[in-house]
Amino acid sequence: MNLFGDPAIWLPFTFAALMGVSILVYVVLDGFDLGVGVLFPFATDDEKDMMVASIGPFWDANETWLVLAIGLLLVAFPTAHGTILTALYLPVAIMLIGLILRGVAFEFRVKAPTPHKATWNWLFFAGSLMTSLAQGFMLGKYVMGLESTWGTWAFASITAVFLTVAYSMIGACWLILKTETQLQAKAVTWAKGGIWGLVLGLGAVSLATPLVSPRIFDKWFTMPEIFYLAPLPILSAVMVLFLWRSLQRLPNPTDAGARAPFSYAIALYILAFGGLAYSFYPYVVPEQLTIYEAASAPESLMIILVGAIFVIPMIGGYTALAYWVFKGKAAELRYD
């Protein structure tokens, strides 16, 4: 079979890859600003203002990648879109409510009279927490094959907690990069405490995935695949060690190494996502629908691909520009 000769083969693969990259970029980028919101109760009022300022120029661009991923799922794999969203209707609804709360609270907390600011701060935290927990729950159910059993719900609930803590960890790493003095020192402490959520979450998903599916078990633990894939968990362990060591060196008077924790956290997310993608390929609905079975007609995908060639670079360029323009330490967030 020629992967790049038959449009019915390479077009679904291309859209699956684009969708995967969109999800990965979203999880990394919106993951850290959700994590910043989850950390709100541990900060003072002045620190909360600086935390919001650190994500102010980026959060709306970050969420664009979620819209892109869901849009690609809808237009490229409509059957899978219906199956997945039907199975995840409740957590998706909670996530959307959380995102709305975050967006409204983000704007209103700056403009609200002082007596009402605390309320909007709590709503910003609540929206961040709801979104993080919902996404973790969806990940857990997806790993368990979208089944609805007591065991599946229990695993999804555990994954929800782990992902939320992992988001708080990468959010703390972002604050280390973008802030200074006392808030940066607090962020180092938060990041150290959040590593356990990342490690346990990676461990839980990594162990559950092959146990749920004999097909995935064979992909990881048969010869010679086990040797080819061994670098993935080894690199993950090394990244955790590097992350911990980088946090031990912070804060310091010269701010040296402030970028390292965030970089190592991103590397861990990429390695984890790569393992998941390998495990589930070629299925878009676990053990039910492959990307080739769920894909739209090749003629439709070709038209959509033309649009994607223009749209995706624009989104990527806008995101990159935002991070370039607002690089460096966060400044006071002002609307006047």
Protein backbone atom coordinates (compact mmCIF):
# COMPACT_ATOMS: atom_id res chain seq x y z
CA MET A 1 0.00 0.00 0.00
CA ASN A 2 1.42 3.36 -1.06
CA LEU A 3 0.69 5.77 1.79
CA PHE A 4 1.11 8.87 -0.38
CA GLY A 5 -0.39 7.48 -3.58
CA ASP A 6 -3.96 6.85 -2.47
CA PRO A 7 -5.89 9.94 -1.27
CA ALA A 8 -8.16 7.68 0.78
CA ILE A 9 -5.06 6.79 2.82
CA TRP A 10 -2.89 9.88 3.02
CA LEU A 11 -5.65 12.45 3.43
CA PRO A 12 -7.12 10.89 6.63
CA PHE A 13 -3.59 10.43 7.95
CA THR A 14 -2.78 14.09 7.21
CA PHE A 15 -5.90 15.36 8.96
CA ALA A 16 -5.30 13.06 11.93
CA ALA A 17 -1.78 14.48 12.21
CA LEU A 18 -3.06 18.07 11.98
CA MET A 19 -5.70 17.37 14.60
CA GLY A 20 -3.12 15.73 16.87
CA VAL A 21 -0.75 18.67 16.59
CA SER A 22 -3.61 21.08 17.32
CA ILE A 23 -4.57 19.15 20.46
CA LEU A 24 -0.95 18.99 21.62
CA VAL A 25 -0.42 22.73 21.11
CA TYR A 26 -3.68 23.46 22.93
CA VAL A 27 -2.84 21.21 25.89
CA VAL A 28 0.58 22.85 26.31
CA LEU A 29 -0.50 26.46 25.78
CA ASP A 30 -3.92 26.55 27.38
CA GLY A 31 -2.67 24.04 29.94
CA PHE A 32 -0.35 26.59 31.49
CA ASP A 33 -2.92 29.39 31.60
CA LEU A 34 -5.51 27.02 33.08
CA GLY A 35 -2.87 26.05 35.61
CA VAL A 36 -2.33 29.69 36.51
CA GLY A 37 -6.06 29.98 37.22
CA VAL A 38 -6.04 26.81 39.35
CA LEU A 39 -3.26 28.34 41.49
CA PHE A 40 -5.29 31.49 42.24
CA PRO A 41 -6.36 30.54 45.82
CA PHE A 42 -2.70 30.30 46.89
CA ALA A 43 -1.81 33.86 45.84
CA THR A 44 -2.35 37.29 47.36
CA ASP A 45 -4.49 39.90 45.61
CA ASP A 46 -1.48 41.68 44.15
CA GLU A 47 0.00 38.37 43.01
CA LYS A 48 -3.28 37.45 41.32
CA ASP A 49 -3.08 40.66 39.29
CA MET A 50 0.43 39.76 38.12
CA MET A 51 -0.62 36.15 37.38
CA VAL A 52 -3.41 37.39 35.14
CA ALA A 53 -1.03 39.86 33.51
CA SER A 54 1.35 36.98 32.68
CA ILE A 55 -1.32 35.21 30.60
CA GLY A 56 -3.30 38.27 29.46
CA PRO A 57 -1.85 38.57 25.93
CA PHE A 58 -1.98 34.84 25.25
CA TRP A 59 -5.02 33.07 26.69
CA ASP A 60 -7.49 33.80 23.88
CA ALA A 61 -4.94 32.80 21.20
CA ASN A 62 -4.28 29.59 23.13
CA GLU A 63 -7.95 28.59 23.03
CA THR A 64 -8.01 29.02 19.25
CA TRP A 65 -6.17 25.69 19.00
CA LEU A 66 -9.04 23.91 20.76
CA VAL A 67 -11.51 25.35 18.26
CA LEU A 68 -9.23 24.24 15.43
CA ALA A 69 -8.91 20.69 16.78
CA ILE A 70 -12.67 20.26 17.24
CA GLY A 71 -13.30 21.81 13.83
CA LEU A 72 -10.90 19.37 12.17
CA LEU A 73 -12.58 16.48 13.97
CA LEU A 74 -15.99 17.64 12.76
CA VAL A 75 -15.15 18.21 9.11
CA ALA A 76 -12.60 15.43 8.59
CA PHE A 77 -14.05 12.69 10.83
CA PRO A 78 -17.76 13.49 11.26
CA THR A 79 -18.74 9.99 12.38
CA ALA A 80 -16.08 10.02 15.09
CA HIS A 81 -17.12 13.55 16.10
CA GLY A 82 -20.65 12.37 16.80
CA THR A 83 -19.52 9.25 18.67
CA ILE A 84 -16.95 11.02 20.85
CA LEU A 85 -19.08 14.03 21.77
CA THR A 86 -22.08 11.82 22.51
CA ALA A 87 -19.99 9.77 24.94
CA LEU A 88 -18.45 12.89 26.48
CA TYR A 89 -21.48 15.19 26.44
CA LEU A 90 -21.46 16.00 30.18
CA PRO A 91 -17.74 16.81 30.60
CA VAL A 92 -17.78 18.79 27.35
CA ALA A 93 -20.69 20.88 28.68
CA ILE A 94 -18.84 21.45 31.97
CA MET A 95 -15.69 22.44 30.06
CA LEU A 96 -17.60 24.97 27.97
CA ILE A 97 -19.21 26.50 31.05
CA GLY A 98 -15.78 26.71 32.64
CA LEU A 99 -14.29 28.41 29.59
CA ILE A 100 -17.13 30.94 29.53
CA LEU A 101 -16.67 31.68 33.25
CA ARG A 102 -12.94 32.18 32.71
CA GLY A 103 -13.43 34.54 29.80
CA VAL A 104 -16.03 36.66 31.57
CA ALA A 105 -14.16 36.73 34.88
CA PHE A 106 -10.89 37.61 33.14
CA GLU A 107 -12.39 40.83 31.80
CA PHE A 108 -14.69 41.74 34.68
CA ARG A 109 -12.16 41.28 37.49
CA VAL A 110 -10.08 44.15 36.10
CA LYS A 111 -13.00 46.56 35.69
CA ALA A 112 -15.17 45.57 38.65
CA PRO A 113 -15.35 47.78 41.78
CA THR A 114 -12.96 46.63 44.50
CA PRO A 115 -15.66 44.97 46.68
CA HIS A 116 -16.64 42.72 43.76
CA LYS A 117 -13.15 41.85 42.56
CA ALA A 118 -12.83 38.89 44.95
CA THR A 119 -15.98 37.34 43.49
CA TRP A 120 -14.60 37.51 39.97
CA ASN A 121 -11.30 36.08 41.19
CA TRP A 122 -13.12 33.06 42.58
CA LEU A 123 -15.12 32.69 39.37
CA PHE A 124 -11.87 32.77 37.38
CA PHE A 125 -10.52 30.01 39.62
CA ALA A 126 -13.79 28.05 39.36
CA GLY A 127 -13.80 28.27 35.57
CA SER A 128 -10.17 27.16 35.39
CA LEU A 129 -10.80 24.25 37.76
CA MET A 130 -13.95 23.11 35.94
CA THR A 131 -12.19 23.18 32.58
CA SER A 132 -9.13 21.32 33.85
CA LEU A 133 -11.13 18.62 35.62
CA ALA A 134 -13.42 18.17 32.61
CA GLN A 135 -10.50 17.74 30.23
CA GLY A 136 -8.85 15.23 32.57
CA PHE A 137 -12.11 13.32 32.84
CA MET A 138 -12.44 13.22 29.06
CA LEU A 139 -8.89 11.94 28.72
CA GLY A 140 -9.59 9.17 31.22
CA LYS A 141 -12.78 8.07 29.47
CA TYR A 142 -11.07 8.16 26.08
CA VAL A 143 -8.22 5.98 27.35
CA MET A 144 -10.79 3.53 28.72
CA GLY A 145 -12.50 3.27 25.34
CA LEU A 146 -15.37 5.71 26.04
CA GLU A 147 -17.20 3.03 28.00
CA SER A 148 -19.55 3.95 30.86
CA THR A 149 -18.89 1.62 33.78
CA TRP A 150 -18.09 2.26 37.43
CA GLY A 151 -14.46 1.40 36.76
CA THR A 152 -14.28 3.76 33.80
CA TRP A 153 -15.82 6.62 35.76
CA ALA A 154 -13.46 6.00 38.68
CA PHE A 155 -10.39 6.01 36.42
CA ALA A 156 -11.62 9.13 34.59
CA SER A 157 -12.13 10.90 37.94
CA ILE A 158 -8.59 10.05 39.02
CA THR A 159 -7.23 11.24 35.68
CA ALA A 160 -9.18 14.48 36.09
CA VAL A 161 -7.35 15.21 39.35
CA PHE A 162 -3.94 14.26 37.96
CA LEU A 163 -4.33 16.41 34.84
CA THR A 164 -5.48 19.38 36.91
CA VAL A 165 -2.41 19.10 39.12
CA ALA A 166 -0.23 18.68 36.01
CA TYR A 167 -1.76 21.87 34.58
CA SER A 168 -1.01 23.69 37.83
CA MET A 169 2.60 22.47 37.55
CA ILE A 170 3.14 23.79 34.03
CA GLY A 171 1.29 26.96 35.05
CA ALA A 172 3.75 27.40 37.91
CA CYS A 173 6.64 26.86 35.48
CA TRP A 174 5.20 29.61 33.29
CA LEU A 175 5.06 31.95 36.29
CA ILE A 176 8.70 31.17 37.06
CA LEU A 177 9.53 32.31 33.54
CA LYS A 178 7.33 35.42 33.52
CA THR A 179 7.51 36.79 37.06
CA GLU A 180 10.09 37.89 39.63
CA THR A 181 10.85 38.10 43.36
CA GLN A 182 8.28 36.72 45.81
CA LEU A 183 5.78 35.43 43.25
CA GLN A 184 8.53 33.61 41.37
CA ALA A 185 9.69 31.99 44.61
CA LYS A 186 6.13 30.86 45.32
CA ALA A 187 5.84 29.49 41.79
CA VAL A 188 8.95 27.36 42.34
CA THR A 189 7.29 25.84 45.42
CA TRP A 190 4.05 25.26 43.51
CA ALA A 191 5.90 23.58 40.64
CA LYS A 192 7.74 21.24 43.02
CA GLY A 193 4.44 20.24 44.61
CA GLY A 194 2.77 19.72 41.24
CA ILE A 195 5.31 17.29 39.82
CA TRP A 196 3.58 14.40 41.61
CA GLY A 197 0.40 15.00 39.60
CA LEU A 198 2.30 14.92 36.33
CA VAL A 199 4.25 11.77 37.24
CA LEU A 200 1.25 9.88 38.63
CA GLY A 201 -0.92 10.97 35.71
CA LEU A 202 1.65 9.77 33.18
CA GLY A 203 2.04 6.53 35.09
CA ALA A 204 -1.70 5.89 35.39
CA VAL A 205 -2.41 6.50 31.70
CA SER A 206 0.69 4.58 30.59
CA LEU A 207 -0.30 1.55 32.66
CA ALA A 208 -4.02 1.63 31.89
CA THR A 209 -3.75 2.05 28.13
CA PRO A 210 -2.11 -1.33 27.32
CA LEU A 211 -4.18 -3.13 29.95
CA VAL A 212 -7.46 -1.94 28.45
CA SER A 213 -6.57 -3.01 24.91
CA PRO A 214 -4.72 -6.21 23.92
CA ARG A 215 -3.92 -4.49 20.62
CA ILE A 216 -2.14 -1.64 22.39
CA PHE A 217 -0.41 -4.11 24.72
CA ASP A 218 1.00 -5.93 21.70
CA LYS A 219 2.16 -2.64 20.14
CA TRP A 220 4.26 -1.85 23.22
CA PHE A 221 5.38 -5.18 24.64
CA THR A 222 6.15 -7.46 21.72
CA MET A 223 9.54 -7.96 20.13
CA PRO A 224 11.25 -5.95 18.71
CA GLU A 225 8.88 -3.01 19.38
CA ILE A 226 9.69 -3.00 23.10
CA PHE A 227 13.30 -2.08 22.31
CA TYR A 228 12.36 0.56 19.74
CA LEU A 229 9.99 2.24 22.19
CA ALA A 230 12.16 1.97 25.31
CA PRO A 231 13.64 5.49 24.77
CA LEU A 232 10.18 7.04 25.29
CA PRO A 233 9.72 6.15 28.98
CA ILE A 234 13.45 6.55 29.60
CA LEU A 235 13.42 10.08 28.14
CA SER A 236 10.33 10.89 30.20
CA ALA A 237 12.10 9.84 33.40
CA VAL A 238 15.14 11.90 32.41
CA MET A 239 12.95 14.96 31.76
CA VAL A 240 11.34 14.61 35.20
CA LEU A 241 14.80 14.48 36.75
CA PHE A 242 15.96 17.53 34.78
CA LEU A 243 12.78 19.38 35.73
CA TRP A 244 13.32 18.69 39.42
CA ARG A 245 16.98 19.71 39.28
CA SER A 246 16.15 22.93 37.44
CA LEU A 247 13.64 23.84 40.16
CA GLN A 248 16.24 23.21 42.84
CA ARG A 249 18.38 26.00 41.34
CA LEU A 250 15.59 28.58 41.52
CA PRO A 251 15.03 31.31 42.44
CA ASN A 252 18.41 32.96 42.12
CA PRO A 253 19.60 36.60 41.94
CA THR A 254 20.46 36.47 38.22
CA ASP A 255 17.26 34.64 37.18
CA ALA A 256 19.47 32.08 35.42
CA GLY A 257 17.62 28.96 34.37
CA ALA A 258 14.13 30.46 34.73
CA ARG A 259 13.19 29.17 31.29
CA ALA A 260 14.35 25.60 31.93
CA PRO A 261 11.39 24.26 34.01
CA PHE A 262 8.85 25.36 31.42
CA SER A 263 10.93 23.83 28.61
CA TYR A 264 11.23 20.49 30.43
CA ALA A 265 7.50 20.49 31.19
CA ILE A 266 6.72 21.02 27.49
CA ALA A 267 9.08 18.15 26.60
CA LEU A 268 7.22 15.87 29.02
CA TYR A 269 3.87 16.79 27.51
CA ILE A 270 5.19 16.09 24.00
CA LEU A 271 6.59 12.69 25.03
CA ALA A 272 3.33 11.73 26.75
CA PHE A 273 1.25 12.81 23.77
CA GLY A 274 3.55 10.93 21.40
CA GLY A 275 3.04 7.75 23.40
CA LEU A 276 -0.73 8.15 23.34
CA ALA A 277 -0.76 8.85 19.60
CA TYR A 278 1.29 5.73 18.93
CA SER A 279 -0.94 3.63 21.18
CA PHE A 280 -4.24 4.59 19.57
CA TYR A 281 -3.22 4.88 15.91
CA PRO A 282 -4.99 4.17 13.58
CA TYR A 283 -8.12 4.49 15.77
CA VAL A 284 -9.82 7.82 16.29
CA VAL A 285 -12.53 6.20 18.43
CA PRO A 286 -10.69 3.62 20.57
CA GLU A 287 -11.19 0.09 19.21
CA GLN A 288 -14.28 1.21 17.25
CA LEU A 289 -13.44 3.50 14.32
CA THR A 290 -10.16 4.02 12.53
CA ILE A 291 -9.27 7.34 10.94
CA TYR A 292 -9.82 5.71 7.55
CA GLU A 293 -13.29 4.41 8.41
CA ALA A 294 -14.42 7.69 10.00
CA ALA A 295 -12.96 10.04 7.38
CA SER A 296 -15.02 12.15 5.02
CA ALA A 297 -14.84 11.46 1.30
CA PRO A 298 -11.39 12.14 -0.24
CA GLU A 299 -12.92 14.82 -2.48
CA SER A 300 -14.23 16.68 0.57
CA LEU A 301 -10.97 16.28 2.45
CA MET A 302 -9.03 17.70 -0.48
CA ILE A 303 -11.16 20.87 -0.48
CA ILE A 304 -10.81 21.19 3.31
CA LEU A 305 -7.06 20.68 3.04
CA VAL A 306 -6.77 23.69 0.73
CA GLY A 307 -8.45 25.83 3.39
CA ALA A 308 -6.33 24.30 6.16
CA ILE A 309 -3.14 25.18 4.27
CA PHE A 310 -4.08 28.87 4.63
CA VAL A 311 -5.80 28.86 8.03
CA ILE A 312 -3.38 26.81 10.15
CA PRO A 313 -0.26 28.89 9.30
CA MET A 314 -2.26 32.05 10.09
CA ILE A 315 -3.21 30.68 13.52
CA GLY A 316 0.35 29.53 14.13
CA GLY A 317 1.75 32.86 12.98
CA TYR A 318 -0.62 34.86 15.17
CA THR A 319 0.25 32.70 18.19
CA ALA A 320 3.99 32.99 17.54
CA LEU A 321 3.70 36.76 17.06
CA ALA A 322 1.87 37.17 20.37
CA TYR A 323 4.58 35.28 22.24
CA TRP A 324 7.32 37.25 20.47
CA VAL A 325 5.80 40.68 21.07
CA PHE A 326 5.08 39.98 24.75
CA LYS A 327 8.25 38.06 25.56
CA GLY A 328 10.11 38.85 28.78
CA LYS A 329 8.75 39.41 32.25
CA ALA A 330 5.06 40.22 32.73
CA ALA A 331 4.12 43.85 33.32
CA GLU A 332 1.09 45.30 35.05
CA LEU A 333 -2.11 44.53 33.17
CA ARG A 334 -3.96 47.76 32.33
CA TYR A 335 -7.06 48.58 30.27
CA ASP A 336 -6.84 52.38 30.31
